[in-house]
Protein backbone atom coordinates (compact mmCIF):
# COMPACT_ATOMS: atom_id res chain seq x y z
CA MET A 1 -9.53 3.28 4.31
CA LEU A 2 -5.72 3.01 4.10
CA VAL A 3 -5.79 -0.31 5.94
CA ASP A 4 -8.33 -1.74 3.49
CA ILE A 5 -6.32 -0.60 0.48
CA VAL A 6 -3.06 -2.05 1.84
CA LYS A 7 -4.83 -5.34 2.63
CA LEU A 8 -6.20 -5.49 -0.92
CA VAL A 9 -2.80 -4.68 -2.40
CA GLN A 10 -1.30 -7.38 -0.16
CA LYS A 11 -3.94 -9.92 -1.21
CA LYS A 12 -3.30 -9.19 -4.90
CA GLY A 13 0.46 -9.58 -4.40
CA MET A 14 1.19 -6.17 -5.84
CA LYS A 15 4.64 -4.65 -5.55
CA GLY A 16 5.67 -1.02 -5.45
CA LYS A 17 9.15 0.40 -5.94
CA MET A 18 10.23 -1.15 -2.62
CA GLY A 19 8.61 -4.55 -3.15
CA ASP A 20 5.49 -6.02 -1.62
CA TRP A 21 4.13 -5.10 1.82
CA LYS A 22 6.45 -7.45 3.74
CA GLU A 23 9.52 -6.43 1.75
CA PHE A 24 8.63 -2.80 2.38
CA LEU A 25 8.32 -3.45 6.12
CA ASN A 26 11.62 -5.33 6.28
CA SER A 27 13.48 -2.44 4.69
CA ASN A 28 11.62 0.40 6.43
CA ASP A 29 10.94 -0.82 9.94
CA LYS A 30 14.07 -2.05 11.65
CA LYS A 31 12.25 -2.55 14.96
CA PHE A 32 9.44 -4.91 13.90
CA GLY A 33 10.07 -5.62 10.21
CA ALA A 34 7.56 -7.94 8.59
CA GLY A 35 7.09 -9.79 11.88
CA MET A 36 4.08 -7.59 12.54
CA SER A 37 2.64 -7.37 9.04
CA ASP A 38 -1.02 -6.68 9.87
CA PRO A 39 -1.73 -3.26 8.30
CA SER A 40 -4.30 -2.44 11.01
CA LYS A 41 -1.46 -2.45 13.55
CA ARG A 42 0.57 0.10 11.58
CA SER A 43 0.40 3.88 11.64
CA HIS A 44 -1.26 5.82 8.86
CA GLU A 45 2.17 7.26 8.06
CA VAL A 46 3.61 3.80 7.37
CA LEU A 47 0.59 2.80 5.27
CA ALA A 48 0.80 6.03 3.26
CA ALA A 49 4.56 5.59 2.77
CA PHE A 50 3.95 2.10 1.36
CA LEU A 51 1.20 3.33 -0.98
CA LYS A 52 3.50 6.10 -2.19
CA THR A 53 5.78 3.40 -3.64
CA PHE A 54 3.11 2.77 -6.29
CA SER A 55 3.52 5.45 -8.91
CA THR A 56 2.54 4.29 -12.39
CA ASP A 57 -0.97 3.93 -13.76
CA GLU A 58 -0.40 0.18 -13.92
CA ASP A 59 0.52 0.16 -10.23
CA LEU A 60 -2.68 1.99 -9.41
CA LYS A 61 -4.95 -0.55 -11.10
CA VAL A 62 -5.87 -2.39 -7.93
CA SER A 63 -8.35 -4.75 -9.52
CA HIS A 64 -11.08 -4.82 -12.11
CA LEU A 65 -13.20 -6.44 -9.39
CA TYR A 66 -12.92 -3.36 -7.20
CA PRO A 67 -13.22 -0.37 -9.54
CA PHE A 68 -14.46 1.90 -6.75
CA LEU A 69 -11.26 1.20 -4.79
CA ASN A 70 -9.22 1.91 -7.91
CA ILE A 71 -10.76 5.38 -8.08
CA LYS A 72 -10.36 5.93 -4.34
CA LEU A 73 -6.76 4.70 -4.41
CA LYS A 74 -5.88 7.10 -7.22
CA ALA A 75 -7.55 9.99 -5.40
CA LEU A 76 -5.87 9.05 -2.14
CA LEU A 77 -2.44 8.78 -3.71
CA ILE A 78 -2.87 12.10 -5.48
CA TYR A 79 -3.75 13.62 -2.11
CA ILE A 80 -0.83 11.93 -0.32
CA LEU A 81 1.70 12.85 -3.02
CA SER A 82 0.65 16.49 -3.24
């Protein structure tokens, strides 16, 4: 689930407080950086940390094309942040 959400966020070019997915990786993973940007190759902790950088309601609007993911993303982020 986290992998799918990060891939969708990546595809939509969304940016959290620490930038987009690759910018986040460059600043948070000194070993691999964005060189290994495939979310499926990252730990759930890294994926969750990236998703935590999205905090406003506008950030959480993944896409009108994927309303079910929007609901799941909000629920997941509420769970992660609590």
